[in-house]
PDB file of all heavy atoms in Angstrom:
ATOM      1  N   THR A   1      -6.742  -3.304 -13.734  1.00  0.00           N
ATOM      2  CA  THR A   1      -6.977  -3.832 -15.076  1.00  0.00           C
ATOM      3  C   THR A   1      -7.267  -2.694 -16.043  1.00  0.00           C
ATOM      4  O   THR A   1      -7.836  -1.670 -15.659  1.00  0.00           O
ATOM      5  CB  THR A   1      -8.157  -4.821 -15.085  1.00  0.00           C
ATOM      6  OG1 THR A   1      -8.382  -5.288 -16.418  1.00  0.00           O
ATOM      7  CG2 THR A   1      -9.427  -4.158 -14.578  1.00  0.00           C
ATOM      8  N   HIS A   2      -6.872  -2.889 -17.308  1.00  0.00           N
ATOM      9  CA  HIS A   2      -7.245  -1.926 -18.350  1.00  0.00           C
ATOM     10  C   HIS A   2      -8.557  -2.345 -19.012  1.00  0.00           C
ATOM     11  O   HIS A   2      -9.114  -1.609 -19.818  1.00  0.00           O
ATOM     12  CB  HIS A   2      -6.144  -1.820 -19.412  1.00  0.00           C
ATOM     13  CG  HIS A   2      -6.076  -3.003 -20.336  1.00  0.00           C
ATOM     14  ND1 HIS A   2      -5.481  -4.192 -19.989  1.00  0.00           N
ATOM     15  CD2 HIS A   2      -6.548  -3.183 -21.600  1.00  0.00           C
ATOM     16  CE1 HIS A   2      -5.584  -5.047 -20.999  1.00  0.00           C
ATOM     17  NE2 HIS A   2      -6.228  -4.453 -21.987  1.00  0.00           N
ATOM     18  N   ARG A   3      -9.062  -3.519 -18.656  1.00  0.00           N
ATOM     19  CA  ARG A   3     -10.314  -4.017 -19.223  1.00  0.00           C
ATOM     20  C   ARG A   3     -11.515  -3.545 -18.407  1.00  0.00           C
ATOM     21  O   ARG A   3     -11.385  -3.194 -17.239  1.00  0.00           O
ATOM     22  CB  ARG A   3     -10.313  -5.549 -19.281  1.00  0.00           C
ATOM     23  CG  ARG A   3      -9.215  -6.131 -20.154  1.00  0.00           C
ATOM     24  CD  ARG A   3      -9.356  -7.639 -20.245  1.00  0.00           C
ATOM     25  NE  ARG A   3      -8.293  -8.229 -21.041  1.00  0.00           N
ATOM     26  CZ  ARG A   3      -8.317  -8.306 -22.368  1.00  0.00           C
ATOM     27  NH1 ARG A   3      -9.361  -7.843 -23.034  1.00  0.00           N
ATOM     28  NH2 ARG A   3      -7.313  -8.861 -23.026  1.00  0.00           N
ATOM     29  N   ASP A   4     -12.688  -3.558 -19.020  1.00  0.00           N
ATOM     30  CA  ASP A   4     -13.939  -3.343 -18.311  1.00  0.00           C
ATOM     31  C   ASP A   4     -14.367  -4.711 -17.794  1.00  0.00           C
ATOM     32  O   ASP A   4     -14.909  -5.536 -18.539  1.00  0.00           O
ATOM     33  CB  ASP A   4     -14.988  -2.754 -19.261  1.00  0.00           C
ATOM     34  CG  ASP A   4     -16.317  -2.480 -18.567  1.00  0.00           C
ATOM     35  OD1 ASP A   4     -16.559  -3.073 -17.494  1.00  0.00           O
ATOM     36  OD2 ASP A   4     -17.109  -1.696 -19.100  1.00  0.00           O
ATOM     37  N   LEU A   5     -14.109  -4.983 -16.510  1.00  0.00           N
ATOM     38  CA  LEU A   5     -14.362  -6.325 -15.977  1.00  0.00           C
ATOM     39  C   LEU A   5     -15.852  -6.671 -15.976  1.00  0.00           C
ATOM     40  O   LEU A   5     -16.208  -7.840 -16.117  1.00  0.00           O
ATOM     41  CB  LEU A   5     -13.791  -6.457 -14.564  1.00  0.00           C
ATOM     42  CG  LEU A   5     -12.267  -6.660 -14.453  1.00  0.00           C
ATOM     43  CD1 LEU A   5     -11.912  -7.140 -13.045  1.00  0.00           C
ATOM     44  CD2 LEU A   5     -11.743  -7.638 -15.495  1.00  0.00           C
ATOM     45  N   ALA A   6     -16.706  -5.659 -15.832  1.00  0.00           N
ATOM     46  CA  ALA A   6     -18.143  -5.948 -15.891  1.00  0.00           C
ATOM     47  C   ALA A   6     -18.507  -6.497 -17.264  1.00  0.00           C
ATOM     48  O   ALA A   6     -19.304  -7.443 -17.390  1.00  0.00           O
ATOM     49  CB  ALA A   6     -18.954  -4.687 -15.589  1.00  0.00           C
ATOM     50  N   GLU A   7     -17.915  -5.933 -18.317  1.00  0.00           N
ATOM     51  CA  GLU A   7     -18.162  -6.437 -19.670  1.00  0.00           C
ATOM     52  C   GLU A   7     -17.534  -7.814 -19.849  1.00  0.00           C
ATOM     53  O   GLU A   7     -18.104  -8.687 -20.527  1.00  0.00           O
ATOM     54  CB  GLU A   7     -17.591  -5.457 -20.701  1.00  0.00           C
ATOM     55  CG  GLU A   7     -17.768  -5.888 -22.153  1.00  0.00           C
ATOM     56  CD  GLU A   7     -19.225  -6.001 -22.573  1.00  0.00           C
ATOM     57  OE1 GLU A   7     -20.085  -5.307 -21.974  1.00  0.00           O
ATOM     58  OE2 GLU A   7     -19.517  -6.788 -23.487  1.00  0.00           O
ATOM     59  N   GLU A   8     -16.359  -8.042 -19.240  1.00  0.00           N
ATOM     60  CA  GLU A   8     -15.709  -9.356 -19.309  1.00  0.00           C
ATOM     61  C   GLU A   8     -16.593 -10.417 -18.647  1.00  0.00           C
ATOM     62  O   GLU A   8     -16.657 -11.552 -19.110  1.00  0.00           O
ATOM     63  CB  GLU A   8     -14.344  -9.302 -18.619  1.00  0.00           C
ATOM     64  CG  GLU A   8     -13.315  -8.421 -19.309  1.00  0.00           C
ATOM     65  CD  GLU A   8     -12.951  -8.929 -20.691  1.00  0.00           C
ATOM     66  OE1 GLU A   8     -12.366 -10.014 -20.790  1.00  0.00           O
ATOM     67  OE2 GLU A   8     -13.288  -8.242 -21.678  1.00  0.00           O
ATOM     68  N   VAL A   9     -17.270 -10.030 -17.569  1.00  0.00           N
ATOM     69  CA  VAL A   9     -18.203 -10.954 -16.909  1.00  0.00           C
ATOM     70  C   VAL A   9     -19.349 -11.299 -17.847  1.00  0.00           C
ATOM     71  O   VAL A   9     -19.717 -12.469 -18.021  1.00  0.00           O
ATOM     72  CB  VAL A   9     -18.740 -10.338 -15.596  1.00  0.00           C
ATOM     73  CG1 VAL A   9     -19.898 -11.178 -15.045  1.00  0.00           C
ATOM     74  CG2 VAL A   9     -17.623 -10.245 -14.559  1.00  0.00           C
ATOM     75  N   ARG A  10     -19.929 -10.281 -18.489  1.00  0.00           N
ATOM     76  CA  ARG A  10     -21.042 -10.512 -19.412  1.00  0.00           C
ATOM     77  C   ARG A  10     -20.625 -11.397 -20.579  1.00  0.00           C
ATOM     78  O   ARG A  10     -21.415 -12.185 -21.096  1.00  0.00           O
ATOM     79  CB  ARG A  10     -21.585  -9.175 -19.922  1.00  0.00           C
ATOM     80  CG  ARG A  10     -22.413  -8.414 -18.917  1.00  0.00           C
ATOM     81  CD  ARG A  10     -23.138  -7.244 -19.538  1.00  0.00           C
ATOM     82  NE  ARG A  10     -22.228  -6.155 -19.873  1.00  0.00           N
ATOM     83  CZ  ARG A  10     -21.895  -5.185 -19.027  1.00  0.00           C
ATOM     84  NH1 ARG A  10     -22.381  -5.186 -17.800  1.00  0.00           N
ATOM     85  NH2 ARG A  10     -21.075  -4.223 -19.407  1.00  0.00           N
ATOM     86  N   ALA A  11     -19.348 -11.268 -20.995  1.00  0.00           N
ATOM     87  CA  ALA A  11     -18.851 -12.058 -22.127  1.00  0.00           C
ATOM     88  C   ALA A  11     -18.401 -13.454 -21.708  1.00  0.00           C
ATOM     89  O   ALA A  11     -18.003 -14.257 -22.558  1.00  0.00           O
ATOM     90  CB  ALA A  11     -17.695 -11.317 -22.802  1.00  0.00           C
ATOM     91  N   GLY A  12     -18.458 -13.751 -20.404  1.00  0.00           N
ATOM     92  CA  GLY A  12     -18.080 -15.078 -19.930  1.00  0.00           C
ATOM     93  C   GLY A  12     -16.588 -15.297 -19.793  1.00  0.00           C
ATOM     94  O   GLY A  12     -16.137 -16.429 -19.628  1.00  0.00           O
ATOM     95  N   ARG A  13     -15.812 -14.211 -19.811  1.00  0.00           N
ATOM     96  CA  ARG A  13     -14.355 -14.344 -19.707  1.00  0.00           C
ATOM     97  C   ARG A  13     -13.834 -14.093 -18.295  1.00  0.00           C
ATOM     98  O   ARG A  13     -12.649 -14.260 -18.039  1.00  0.00           O
ATOM     99  CB  ARG A  13     -13.677 -13.376 -20.683  1.00  0.00           C
ATOM    100  CG  ARG A  13     -13.900 -13.722 -22.154  1.00  0.00           C
ATOM    101  CD  ARG A  13     -13.096 -12.813 -23.054  1.00  0.00           C
ATOM    102  NE  ARG A  13     -13.577 -11.440 -23.026  1.00  0.00           N
ATOM    103  CZ  ARG A  13     -14.437 -10.928 -23.897  1.00  0.00           C
ATOM    104  NH1 ARG A  13     -14.928 -11.691 -24.870  1.00  0.00           N
ATOM    105  NH2 ARG A  13     -14.824  -9.665 -23.815  1.00  0.00           N
ATOM    106  N   PHE A  14     -14.727 -13.680 -17.406  1.00  0.00           N
ATOM    107  CA  PHE A  14     -14.311 -13.431 -16.026  1.00  0.00           C
ATOM    108  C   PHE A  14     -15.457 -13.815 -15.106  1.00  0.00           C
ATOM    109  O   PHE A  14     -16.635 -13.533 -15.383  1.00  0.00           O
ATOM    110  CB  PHE A  14     -13.962 -11.950 -15.827  1.00  0.00           C
ATOM    111  CG  PHE A  14     -13.051 -11.688 -14.661  1.00  0.00           C
ATOM    112  CD1 PHE A  14     -11.681 -11.824 -14.796  1.00  0.00           C
ATOM    113  CD2 PHE A  14     -13.568 -11.319 -13.426  1.00  0.00           C
ATOM    114  CE1 PHE A  14     -10.833 -11.592 -13.717  1.00  0.00           C
ATOM    115  CE2 PHE A  14     -12.734 -11.088 -12.337  1.00  0.00           C
ATOM    116  CZ  PHE A  14     -11.350 -11.220 -12.489  1.00  0.00           C
ATOM    117  N   ARG A  15     -15.115 -14.463 -13.994  1.00  0.00           N
ATOM    118  CA  ARG A  15     -16.130 -14.959 -13.066  1.00  0.00           C
ATOM    119  C   ARG A  15     -16.823 -13.805 -12.359  1.00  0.00           C
ATOM    120  O   ARG A  15     -16.171 -12.889 -11.834  1.00  0.00           O
ATOM    121  CB  ARG A  15     -15.499 -15.886 -12.033  1.00  0.00           C
ATOM    122  CG  ARG A  15     -15.062 -17.226 -12.587  1.00  0.00           C
ATOM    123  CD  ARG A  15     -14.478 -18.068 -11.467  1.00  0.00           C
ATOM    124  NE  ARG A  15     -15.449 -18.319 -10.410  1.00  0.00           N
ATOM    125  CZ  ARG A  15     -16.037 -19.496 -10.194  1.00  0.00           C
ATOM    126  NH1 ARG A  15     -15.763 -20.514 -10.994  1.00  0.00           N
ATOM    127  NH2 ARG A  15     -16.887 -19.651  -9.204  1.00  0.00           N
ATOM    128  N   GLU A  16     -18.143 -13.881 -12.309  1.00  0.00           N
ATOM    129  CA  GLU A  16     -18.914 -12.819 -11.668  1.00  0.00           C
ATOM    130  C   GLU A  16     -18.622 -12.741 -10.178  1.00  0.00           C
ATOM    131  O   GLU A  16     -18.475 -11.648  -9.615  1.00  0.00           O
ATOM    132  CB  GLU A  16     -20.411 -13.058 -11.902  1.00  0.00           C
ATOM    133  CG  GLU A  16     -21.294 -11.953 -11.346  1.00  0.00           C
ATOM    134  CD  GLU A  16     -22.759 -12.174 -11.680  1.00  0.00           C
ATOM    135  OE1 GLU A  16     -23.148 -13.344 -11.895  1.00  0.00           O
ATOM    136  OE2 GLU A  16     -23.512 -11.182 -11.720  1.00  0.00           O
ATOM    137  N   ASP A  17     -18.521 -13.895  -9.512  1.00  0.00           N
ATOM    138  CA  ASP A  17     -18.288 -13.877  -8.066  1.00  0.00           C
ATOM    139  C   ASP A  17     -16.913 -13.303  -7.736  1.00  0.00           C
ATOM    140  O   ASP A  17     -16.744 -12.582  -6.743  1.00  0.00           O
ATOM    141  CB  ASP A  17     -18.466 -15.272  -7.450  1.00  0.00           C
ATOM    142  CG  ASP A  17     -17.767 -16.368  -8.236  1.00  0.00           C
ATOM    143  OD1 ASP A  17     -17.026 -16.060  -9.195  1.00  0.00           O
ATOM    144  OD2 ASP A  17     -17.976 -17.563  -7.907  1.00  0.00           O
ATOM    145  N   LEU A  18     -15.909 -13.569  -8.580  1.00  0.00           N
ATOM    146  CA  LEU A  18     -14.584 -13.001  -8.351  1.00  0.00           C
ATOM    147  C   LEU A  18     -14.601 -11.487  -8.592  1.00  0.00           C
ATOM    148  O   LEU A  18     -13.958 -10.725  -7.856  1.00  0.00           O
ATOM    149  CB  LEU A  18     -13.559 -13.674  -9.261  1.00  0.00           C
ATOM    150  CG  LEU A  18     -12.126 -13.134  -9.165  1.00  0.00           C
ATOM    151  CD1 LEU A  18     -11.585 -13.219  -7.740  1.00  0.00           C
ATOM    152  CD2 LEU A  18     -11.207 -13.888 -10.126  1.00  0.00           C
ATOM    153  N   PHE A  19     -15.335 -11.072  -9.613  1.00  0.00           N
ATOM    154  CA  PHE A  19     -15.444  -9.641  -9.896  1.00  0.00           C
ATOM    155  C   PHE A  19     -15.973  -8.896  -8.675  1.00  0.00           C
ATOM    156  O   PHE A  19     -15.421  -7.874  -8.254  1.00  0.00           O
ATOM    157  CB  PHE A  19     -16.359  -9.413 -11.102  1.00  0.00           C
ATOM    158  CG  PHE A  19     -16.768  -7.976 -11.300  1.00  0.00           C
ATOM    159  CD1 PHE A  19     -15.851  -7.018 -11.688  1.00  0.00           C
ATOM    160  CD2 PHE A  19     -18.087  -7.595 -11.077  1.00  0.00           C
ATOM    161  CE1 PHE A  19     -16.229  -5.693 -11.862  1.00  0.00           C
ATOM    162  CE2 PHE A  19     -18.478  -6.274 -11.257  1.00  0.00           C
ATOM    163  CZ  PHE A  19     -17.545  -5.326 -11.646  1.00  0.00           C
ATOM    164  N   TYR A  20     -17.056  -9.396  -8.071  1.00  0.00           N
ATOM    165  CA  TYR A  20     -17.640  -8.711  -6.926  1.00  0.00           C
ATOM    166  C   TYR A  20     -16.727  -8.778  -5.700  1.00  0.00           C
ATOM    167  O   TYR A  20     -16.730  -7.857  -4.871  1.00  0.00           O
ATOM    168  CB  TYR A  20     -19.021  -9.289  -6.606  1.00  0.00           C
ATOM    169  CG  TYR A  20     -20.060  -8.865  -7.612  1.00  0.00           C
ATOM    170  CD1 TYR A  20     -20.733  -9.802  -8.395  1.00  0.00           C
ATOM    171  CD2 TYR A  20     -20.371  -7.519  -7.799  1.00  0.00           C
ATOM    172  CE1 TYR A  20     -21.681  -9.400  -9.331  1.00  0.00           C
ATOM    173  CE2 TYR A  20     -21.314  -7.121  -8.735  1.00  0.00           C
ATOM    174  CZ  TYR A  20     -21.961  -8.062  -9.505  1.00  0.00           C
ATOM    175  OH  TYR A  20     -22.884  -7.663 -10.433  1.00  0.00           O
ATOM    176  N   ARG A  21     -15.951  -9.841  -5.584  1.00  0.00           N
ATOM    177  CA  ARG A  21     -15.010  -9.937  -4.482  1.00  0.00           C
ATOM    178  C   ARG A  21     -13.886  -8.901  -4.626  1.00  0.00           C
ATOM    179  O   ARG A  21     -13.418  -8.322  -3.639  1.00  0.00           O
ATOM    180  CB  ARG A  21     -14.436 -11.358  -4.422  1.00  0.00           C
ATOM    181  CG  ARG A  21     -13.308 -11.561  -3.423  1.00  0.00           C
ATOM    182  CD  ARG A  21     -13.710 -11.237  -2.015  1.00  0.00           C
ATOM    183  NE  ARG A  21     -14.774 -12.108  -1.519  1.00  0.00           N
ATOM    184  CZ  ARG A  21     -15.289 -12.031  -0.291  1.00  0.00           C
ATOM    185  NH1 ARG A  21     -14.845 -11.107   0.539  1.00  0.00           N
ATOM    186  NH2 ARG A  21     -16.245 -12.831   0.081  1.00  0.00           N
ATOM    187  N   LEU A  22     -13.457  -8.648  -5.868  1.00  0.00           N
ATOM    188  CA  LEU A  22     -12.382  -7.674  -6.106  1.00  0.00           C
ATOM    189  C   LEU A  22     -12.887  -6.237  -6.086  1.00  0.00           C
ATOM    190  O   LEU A  22     -12.180  -5.320  -5.667  1.00  0.00           O
ATOM    191  CB  LEU A  22     -11.713  -7.949  -7.459  1.00  0.00           C
ATOM    192  CG  LEU A  22     -10.923  -9.252  -7.583  1.00  0.00           C
ATOM    193  CD1 LEU A  22     -10.483  -9.460  -9.025  1.00  0.00           C
ATOM    194  CD2 LEU A  22      -9.715  -9.243  -6.652  1.00  0.00           C
ATOM    195  N   ALA A  23     -14.113  -6.016  -6.581  1.00  0.00           N
ATOM    196  CA  ALA A  23     -14.638  -4.660  -6.758  1.00  0.00           C
ATOM    197  C   ALA A  23     -15.415  -4.185  -5.538  1.00  0.00           C
ATOM    198  O   ALA A  23     -16.495  -3.596  -5.669  1.00  0.00           O
ATOM    199  CB  ALA A  23     -15.511  -4.604  -8.003  1.00  0.00           C
ATOM    200  N   VAL A  24     -14.882  -4.413  -4.346  1.00  0.00           N
ATOM    201  CA  VAL A  24     -15.533  -3.894  -3.143  1.00  0.00           C
ATOM    202  C   VAL A  24     -15.585  -2.367  -3.234  1.00  0.00           C
ATOM    203  O   VAL A  24     -16.607  -1.734  -2.997  1.00  0.00           O
ATOM    204  CB  VAL A  24     -14.780  -4.346  -1.876  1.00  0.00           C
ATOM    205  CG1 VAL A  24     -15.448  -3.759  -0.632  1.00  0.00           C
ATOM    206  CG2 VAL A  24     -14.733  -5.866  -1.796  1.00  0.00           C
ATOM    207  N   VAL A  25     -14.452  -1.776  -3.596  1.00  0.00           N
ATOM    208  CA  VAL A  25     -14.410  -0.364  -3.979  1.00  0.00           C
ATOM    209  C   VAL A  25     -13.834  -0.324  -5.387  1.00  0.00           C
ATOM    210  O   VAL A  25     -12.719  -0.807  -5.634  1.00  0.00           O
ATOM    211  CB  VAL A  25     -13.544   0.474  -3.023  1.00  0.00           C
ATOM    212  CG1 VAL A  25     -13.391   1.907  -3.558  1.00  0.00           C
ATOM    213  CG2 VAL A  25     -14.157   0.497  -1.631  1.00  0.00           C
ATOM    214  N   ARG A  26     -14.582   0.234  -6.302  1.00  0.00           N
ATOM    215  CA  ARG A  26     -14.196   0.247  -7.719  1.00  0.00           C
ATOM    216  C   ARG A  26     -13.870   1.691  -8.120  1.00  0.00           C
ATOM    217  O   ARG A  26     -14.718   2.575  -8.022  1.00  0.00           O
ATOM    218  CB  ARG A  26     -15.358  -0.293  -8.549  1.00  0.00           C
ATOM    219  CG  ARG A  26     -15.062  -0.557 -10.009  1.00  0.00           C
ATOM    220  CD  ARG A  26     -16.316  -1.129 -10.651  1.00  0.00           C
ATOM    221  NE  ARG A  26     -16.169  -1.368 -12.073  1.00  0.00           N
ATOM    222  CZ  ARG A  26     -17.173  -1.689 -12.875  1.00  0.00           C
ATOM    223  NH1 ARG A  26     -18.394  -1.812 -12.370  1.00  0.00           N
ATOM    224  NH2 ARG A  26     -16.960  -1.897 -14.167  1.00  0.00           N
ATOM    225  N   VAL A  27     -12.634   1.919  -8.536  1.00  0.00           N
ATOM    226  CA  VAL A  27     -12.172   3.270  -8.861  1.00  0.00           C
ATOM    227  C   VAL A  27     -11.683   3.296 -10.308  1.00  0.00           C
ATOM    228  O   VAL A  27     -10.795   2.511 -10.673  1.00  0.00           O
ATOM    229  CB  VAL A  27     -11.030   3.721  -7.924  1.00  0.00           C
ATOM    230  CG1 VAL A  27     -10.530   5.114  -8.312  1.00  0.00           C
ATOM    231  CG2 VAL A  27     -11.503   3.708  -6.474  1.00  0.00           C
ATOM    232  N   ARG A  28     -12.253   4.181 -11.089  1.00  0.00           N
ATOM    233  CA  ARG A  28     -11.802   4.344 -12.484  1.00  0.00           C
ATOM    234  C   ARG A  28     -10.868   5.535 -12.570  1.00  0.00           C
ATOM    235  O   ARG A  28     -11.210   6.642 -12.153  1.00  0.00           O
ATOM    236  CB  ARG A  28     -12.997   4.566 -13.415  1.00  0.00           C
ATOM    237  CG  ARG A  28     -12.588   4.805 -14.865  1.00  0.00           C
ATOM    238  CD  ARG A  28     -13.782   5.161 -15.726  1.00  0.00           C
ATOM    239  NE  ARG A  28     -13.358   5.568 -17.060  1.00  0.00           N
ATOM    240  CZ  ARG A  28     -12.990   6.809 -17.385  1.00  0.00           C
ATOM    241  NH1 ARG A  28     -13.010   7.768 -16.464  1.00  0.00           N
ATOM    242  NH2 ARG A  28     -12.612   7.107 -18.605  1.00  0.00           N
ATOM    243  N   LEU A  29      -9.674   5.312 -13.123  1.00  0.00           N
ATOM    244  CA  LEU A  29      -8.718   6.401 -13.305  1.00  0.00           C
ATOM    245  C   LEU A  29      -8.963   7.049 -14.666  1.00  0.00           C
ATOM    246  O   LEU A  29      -8.985   6.354 -15.689  1.00  0.00           O
ATOM    247  CB  LEU A  29      -7.284   5.877 -13.213  1.00  0.00           C
ATOM    248  CG  LEU A  29      -6.910   5.173 -11.906  1.00  0.00           C
ATOM    249  CD1 LEU A  29      -5.422   4.857 -11.891  1.00  0.00           C
ATOM    250  CD2 LEU A  29      -7.294   6.011 -10.704  1.00  0.00           C
ATOM    251  N   PRO A  30      -9.144   8.358 -14.712  1.00  0.00           N
ATOM    252  CA  PRO A  30      -9.446   9.018 -15.988  1.00  0.00           C
ATOM    253  C   PRO A  30      -8.258   8.988 -16.932  1.00  0.00           C
ATOM    254  O   PRO A  30      -7.099   9.027 -16.504  1.00  0.00           O
ATOM    255  CB  PRO A  30      -9.787  10.449 -15.570  1.00  0.00           C
ATOM    256  CG  PRO A  30      -9.075  10.649 -14.274  1.00  0.00           C
ATOM    257  CD  PRO A  30      -9.096   9.311 -13.596  1.00  0.00           C
ATOM    258  N   ALA A  31      -8.554   8.916 -18.221  1.00  0.00           N
ATOM    259  CA  ALA A  31      -7.503   9.022 -19.240  1.00  0.00           C
ATOM    260  C   ALA A  31      -6.957  10.444 -19.239  1.00  0.00           C
ATOM    261  O   ALA A  31      -7.628  11.387 -18.803  1.00  0.00           O
ATOM    262  CB  ALA A  31      -8.082   8.672 -20.607  1.00  0.00           C
ATOM    263  N   LEU A  32      -5.744  10.618 -19.744  1.00  0.00           N
ATOM    264  CA  LEU A  32      -5.111  11.932 -19.733  1.00  0.00           C
ATOM    265  C   LEU A  32      -5.912  12.935 -20.566  1.00  0.00           C
ATOM    266  O   LEU A  32      -5.990  14.108 -20.207  1.00  0.00           O
ATOM    267  CB  LEU A  32      -3.676  11.824 -20.245  1.00  0.00           C
ATOM    268  CG  LEU A  32      -2.803  13.075 -20.116  1.00  0.00           C
ATOM    269  CD1 LEU A  32      -2.769  13.586 -18.677  1.00  0.00           C
ATOM    270  CD2 LEU A  32      -1.387  12.790 -20.614  1.00  0.00           C
ATOM    271  N   ARG A  33      -6.508  12.488 -21.658  1.00  0.00           N
ATOM    272  CA  ARG A  33      -7.287  13.407 -22.497  1.00  0.00           C
ATOM    273  C   ARG A  33      -8.547  13.896 -21.783  1.00  0.00           C
ATOM    274  O   ARG A  33      -9.161  14.879 -22.203  1.00  0.00           O
ATOM    275  CB  ARG A  33      -7.668  12.728 -23.812  1.00  0.00           C
ATOM    276  CG  ARG A  33      -8.535  11.501 -23.643  1.00  0.00           C
ATOM    277  CD  ARG A  33      -8.812  10.793 -24.946  1.00  0.00           C
ATOM    278  NE  ARG A  33      -9.472   9.528 -24.724  1.00  0.00           N
ATOM    279  CZ  ARG A  33      -8.818   8.392 -24.450  1.00  0.00           C
ATOM    280  NH1 ARG A  33      -7.502   8.390 -24.385  1.00  0.00           N
ATOM    281  NH2 ARG A  33      -9.483   7.263 -24.246  1.00  0.00           N
ATOM    282  N   GLU A  34      -8.942  13.212 -20.695  1.00  0.00           N
ATOM    283  CA  GLU A  34     -10.106  13.624 -19.924  1.00  0.00           C
ATOM    284  C   GLU A  34      -9.748  14.669 -18.872  1.00  0.00           C
ATOM    285  O   GLU A  34     -10.638  15.225 -18.222  1.00  0.00           O
ATOM    286  CB  GLU A  34     -10.742  12.412 -19.223  1.00  0.00           C
ATOM    287  CG  GLU A  34     -11.241  11.342 -20.171  1.00  0.00           C
ATOM    288  CD  GLU A  34     -11.685  10.097 -19.426  1.00  0.00           C
ATOM    289  OE1 GLU A  34     -12.129  10.218 -18.264  1.00  0.00           O
ATOM    290  OE2 GLU A  34     -11.586   8.993 -19.996  1.00  0.00           O
ATOM    291  N   ARG A  35      -8.463  14.908 -18.694  1.00  0.00           N
ATOM    292  CA  ARG A  35      -8.019  15.885 -17.692  1.00  0.00           C
ATOM    293  C   ARG A  35      -6.844  16.696 -18.240  1.00  0.00           C
ATOM    294  O   ARG A  35      -5.767  16.743 -17.656  1.00  0.00           O
ATOM    295  CB  ARG A  35      -7.645  15.179 -16.390  1.00  0.00           C
ATOM    296  CG  ARG A  35      -6.617  14.050 -16.522  1.00  0.00           C
ATOM    297  CD  ARG A  35      -6.352  13.431 -15.164  1.00  0.00           C
ATOM    298  NE  ARG A  35      -5.271  12.470 -15.140  1.00  0.00           N
ATOM    299  CZ  ARG A  35      -4.129  12.643 -14.457  1.00  0.00           C
ATOM    300  NH1 ARG A  35      -3.913  13.745 -13.782  1.00  0.00           N
ATOM    301  NH2 ARG A  35      -3.198  11.713 -14.466  1.00  0.00           N
ATOM    302  N   ARG A  36      -7.091  17.306 -19.392  1.00  0.00           N
ATOM    303  CA  ARG A  36      -6.027  18.035 -20.084  1.00  0.00           C
ATOM    304  C   ARG A  36      -5.432  19.147 -19.230  1.00  0.00           C
ATOM    305  O   ARG A  36      -4.265  19.510 -19.413  1.00  0.00           O
ATOM    306  CB  ARG A  36      -6.560  18.614 -21.394  1.00  0.00           C
ATOM    307  CG  ARG A  36      -6.901  17.561 -22.438  1.00  0.00           C
ATOM    308  CD  ARG A  36      -7.345  18.169 -23.748  1.00  0.00           C
ATOM    309  NE  ARG A  36      -7.785  17.150 -24.676  1.00  0.00           N
ATOM    310  CZ  ARG A  36      -6.967  16.435 -25.444  1.00  0.00           C
ATOM    311  NH1 ARG A  36      -5.675  16.665 -25.399  1.00  0.00           N
ATOM    312  NH2 ARG A  36      -7.451  15.517 -26.251  1.00  0.00           N
TER     313      ARG A  36
END
């Protein structure tokens, strides 16, 4: 996802239990400007 799912959970747009089921291992890919 390109969204911050934790924030989506707080906003009520994504189920918390599904988030934790998907985010067993949570990996953020850095933007290109962060690794010039």
